[in-house]
Amino acid sequence: MIKVLTKINIFFIIYSLNYEITVATETIYLRILRAAIL
């Protein structure tokens, strides 16, 4: 049971890290696009 919880915990940590990286990448991408347009 503890092993399963640890696996879920690790999965959530990886998932949230990926989410933050994706959001940061999109923000940078939008800034570059805006700079190119203006």
PDB file of N, CA and C in Angstrom:
ATOM      1  N   MET A   1       0.835  -1.211   0.000  1.00  0.00           N
ATOM      2  CA  MET A   1       0.000   0.000   0.000  1.00  0.00           C
ATOM      3  C   MET A   1       0.868   1.259   0.000  1.00  0.00           C
ATOM      4  N   ILE A   2       1.887   1.273   0.839  1.00  0.00           N
ATOM      5  CA  ILE A   2       2.777   2.442   0.911  1.00  0.00           C
ATOM      6  C   ILE A   2       3.519   2.611  -0.417  1.00  0.00           C
ATOM      7  N   LYS A   3       3.906   1.493  -1.031  1.00  0.00           N
ATOM      8  CA  LYS A   3       4.604   1.569  -2.321  1.00  0.00           C
ATOM      9  C   LYS A   3       3.704   2.197  -3.385  1.00  0.00           C
ATOM     10  N   VAL A   4       2.433   1.815  -3.372  1.00  0.00           N
ATOM     11  CA  VAL A   4       1.490   2.376  -4.346  1.00  0.00           C
ATOM     12  C   VAL A   4       1.348   3.881  -4.122  1.00  0.00           C
ATOM     13  N   LEU A   5       1.222   4.292  -2.863  1.00  0.00           N
ATOM     14  CA  LEU A   5       1.087   5.716  -2.543  1.00  0.00           C
ATOM     15  C   LEU A   5       2.328   6.487  -2.983  1.00  0.00           C
ATOM     16  N   THR A   6       3.494   5.895  -2.794  1.00  0.00           N
ATOM     17  CA  THR A   6       4.746   6.547  -3.209  1.00  0.00           C
ATOM     18  C   THR A   6       4.768   6.724  -4.716  1.00  0.00           C
ATOM     19  N   LYS A   7       4.341   5.689  -5.453  1.00  0.00           N
ATOM     20  CA  LYS A   7       4.297   5.778  -6.912  1.00  0.00           C
ATOM     21  C   LYS A   7       3.352   6.882  -7.358  1.00  0.00           C
ATOM     22  N   ILE A   8       2.182   6.973  -6.719  1.00  0.00           N
ATOM     23  CA  ILE A   8       1.213   8.017  -7.063  1.00  0.00           C
ATOM     24  C   ILE A   8       1.811   9.386  -6.755  1.00  0.00           C
ATOM     25  N   ASN A   9       2.469   9.489  -5.604  1.00  0.00           N
ATOM     26  CA  ASN A   9       3.098  10.740  -5.195  1.00  0.00           C
ATOM     27  C   ASN A   9       4.132  11.186  -6.224  1.00  0.00           C
ATOM     28  N   ILE A  10       5.008  10.282  -6.645  1.00  0.00           N
ATOM     29  CA  ILE A  10       6.037  10.587  -7.634  1.00  0.00           C
ATOM     30  C   ILE A  10       5.383  11.006  -8.945  1.00  0.00           C
ATOM     31  N   PHE A  11       4.323  10.294  -9.337  1.00  0.00           N
ATOM     32  CA  PHE A  11       3.606  10.628 -10.564  1.00  0.00           C
ATOM     33  C   PHE A  11       3.075  12.055 -10.510  1.00  0.00           C
ATOM     34  N   PHE A  12       2.480  12.429  -9.372  1.00  0.00           N
ATOM     35  CA  PHE A  12       1.928  13.775  -9.240  1.00  0.00           C
ATOM     36  C   PHE A  12       3.018  14.833  -9.279  1.00  0.00           C
ATOM     37  N   ILE A  13       4.168  14.553  -8.661  1.00  0.00           N
ATOM     38  CA  ILE A  13       5.282  15.504  -8.684  1.00  0.00           C
ATOM     39  C   ILE A  13       5.759  15.714 -10.118  1.00  0.00           C
ATOM     40  N   ILE A  14       5.936  14.620 -10.859  1.00  0.00           N
ATOM     41  CA  ILE A  14       6.379  14.710 -12.247  1.00  0.00           C
ATOM     42  C   ILE A  14       5.331  15.442 -13.078  1.00  0.00           C
ATOM     43  N   TYR A  15       4.064  15.121 -12.850  1.00  0.00           N
ATOM     44  CA  TYR A  15       2.977  15.741 -13.607  1.00  0.00           C
ATOM     45  C   TYR A  15       2.935  17.247 -13.373  1.00  0.00           C
ATOM     46  N   SER A  16       3.041  17.674 -12.120  1.00  0.00           N
ATOM     47  CA  SER A  16       2.976  19.101 -11.813  1.00  0.00           C
ATOM     48  C   SER A  16       4.202  19.829 -12.354  1.00  0.00           C
ATOM     49  N   LEU A  17       5.363  19.182 -12.329  1.00  0.00           N
ATOM     50  CA  LEU A  17       6.568  19.783 -12.920  1.00  0.00           C
ATOM     51  C   LEU A  17       6.375  19.978 -14.417  1.00  0.00           C
ATOM     52  N   ASN A  18       5.875  18.942 -15.087  1.00  0.00           N
ATOM     53  CA  ASN A  18       5.621  19.042 -16.527  1.00  0.00           C
ATOM     54  C   ASN A  18       4.631  20.156 -16.816  1.00  0.00           C
ATOM     55  N   TYR A  19       3.606  20.277 -15.984  1.00  0.00           N
ATOM     56  CA  TYR A  19       2.592  21.303 -16.178  1.00  0.00           C
ATOM     57  C   TYR A  19       3.219  22.696 -16.064  1.00  0.00           C
ATOM     58  N   GLU A  20       4.048  22.895 -15.048  1.00  0.00           N
ATOM     59  CA  GLU A  20       4.683  24.202 -14.850  1.00  0.00           C
ATOM     60  C   GLU A  20       5.604  24.530 -16.018  1.00  0.00           C
ATOM     61  N   ILE A  21       6.349  23.528 -16.500  1.00  0.00           N
ATOM     62  CA  ILE A  21       7.251  23.749 -17.636  1.00  0.00           C
ATOM     63  C   ILE A  21       6.439  24.118 -18.874  1.00  0.00           C
ATOM     64  N   THR A  22       5.327  23.435 -19.089  1.00  0.00           N
ATOM     65  CA  THR A  22       4.484  23.715 -20.257  1.00  0.00           C
ATOM     66  C   THR A  22       3.934  25.133 -20.192  1.00  0.00           C
ATOM     67  N   VAL A  23       3.435  25.539 -19.023  1.00  0.00           N
ATOM     68  CA  VAL A  23       2.885  26.889 -18.855  1.00  0.00           C
ATOM     69  C   VAL A  23       3.978  27.921 -19.092  1.00  0.00           C
ATOM     70  N   ALA A  24       5.166  27.697 -18.550  1.00  0.00           N
ATOM     71  CA  ALA A  24       6.278  28.631 -18.733  1.00  0.00           C
ATOM     72  C   ALA A  24       6.656  28.733 -20.201  1.00  0.00           C
ATOM     73  N   THR A  25       6.692  27.593 -20.888  1.00  0.00           N
ATOM     74  CA  THR A  25       7.037  27.587 -22.314  1.00  0.00           C
ATOM     75  C   THR A  25       6.008  28.357 -23.121  1.00  0.00           C
ATOM     76  N   GLU A  26       4.732  28.151 -22.822  1.00  0.00           N
ATOM     77  CA  GLU A  26       3.671  28.867 -23.533  1.00  0.00           C
ATOM     78  C   GLU A  26       3.770  30.366 -23.289  1.00  0.00           C
ATOM     79  N   THR A  27       4.067  30.754 -22.053  1.00  0.00           N
ATOM     80  CA  THR A  27       4.194  32.172 -21.726  1.00  0.00           C
ATOM     81  C   THR A  27       5.330  32.800 -22.518  1.00  0.00           C
ATOM     82  N   ILE A  28       6.480  32.129 -22.560  1.00  0.00           N
ATOM     83  CA  ILE A  28       7.633  32.627 -23.322  1.00  0.00           C
ATOM     84  C   ILE A  28       7.280  32.702 -24.802  1.00  0.00           C
ATOM     85  N   TYR A  29       6.624  31.665 -25.296  1.00  0.00           N
ATOM     86  CA  TYR A  29       6.240  31.611 -26.711  1.00  0.00           C
ATOM     87  C   TYR A  29       5.320  32.774 -27.072  1.00  0.00           C
ATOM     88  N   LEU A  30       4.336  33.045 -26.197  1.00  0.00           N
ATOM     89  CA  LEU A  30       3.403  34.154 -26.439  1.00  0.00           C
ATOM     90  C   LEU A  30       4.134  35.490 -26.418  1.00  0.00           C
ATOM     91  N   ARG A  31       5.096  35.644 -25.508  1.00  0.00           N
ATOM     92  CA  ARG A  31       5.862  36.897 -25.437  1.00  0.00           C
ATOM     93  C   ARG A  31       6.662  37.100 -26.720  1.00  0.00           C
ATOM     94  N   ILE A  32       7.271  36.017 -27.219  1.00  0.00           N
ATOM     95  CA  ILE A  32       8.045  36.106 -28.464  1.00  0.00           C
ATOM     96  C   ILE A  32       7.123  36.478 -29.621  1.00  0.00           C
ATOM     97  N   LEU A  33       5.961  35.847 -29.677  1.00  0.00           N
ATOM     98  CA  LEU A  33       4.993  36.159 -30.732  1.00  0.00           C
ATOM     99  C   LEU A  33       4.572  37.626 -30.665  1.00  0.00           C
ATOM    100  N   ARG A  34       4.264  38.094 -29.467  1.00  0.00           N
ATOM    101  CA  ARG A  34       3.829  39.470 -29.286  1.00  0.00           C
ATOM    102  C   ARG A  34       4.937  40.431 -29.701  1.00  0.00           C
ATOM    103  N   ALA A  35       6.165  40.116 -29.334  1.00  0.00           N
ATOM    104  CA  ALA A  35       7.303  40.957 -29.695  1.00  0.00           C
ATOM    105  C   ALA A  35       7.485  40.988 -31.214  1.00  0.00           C
ATOM    106  N   ALA A  36       7.257  39.848 -31.867  1.00  0.00           N
ATOM    107  CA  ALA A  36       7.401  39.771 -33.326  1.00  0.00           C
ATOM    108  C   ALA A  36       6.310  40.584 -34.025  1.00  0.00           C
ATOM    109  N   ILE A  37       5.097  40.567 -33.468  1.00  0.00           N
ATOM    110  CA  ILE A  37       3.979  41.302 -34.076  1.00  0.00           C
ATOM    111  C   ILE A  37       4.171  42.805 -33.872  1.00  0.00           C
ATOM    112  N   LEU A  38       4.550  43.202 -32.659  1.00  0.00           N
ATOM    113  CA  LEU A  38       4.723  44.634 -32.341  1.00  0.00           C
ATOM    114  C   LEU A  38       6.119  45.118 -32.654  1.00  0.00           C
TER     115      LEU A  38
END
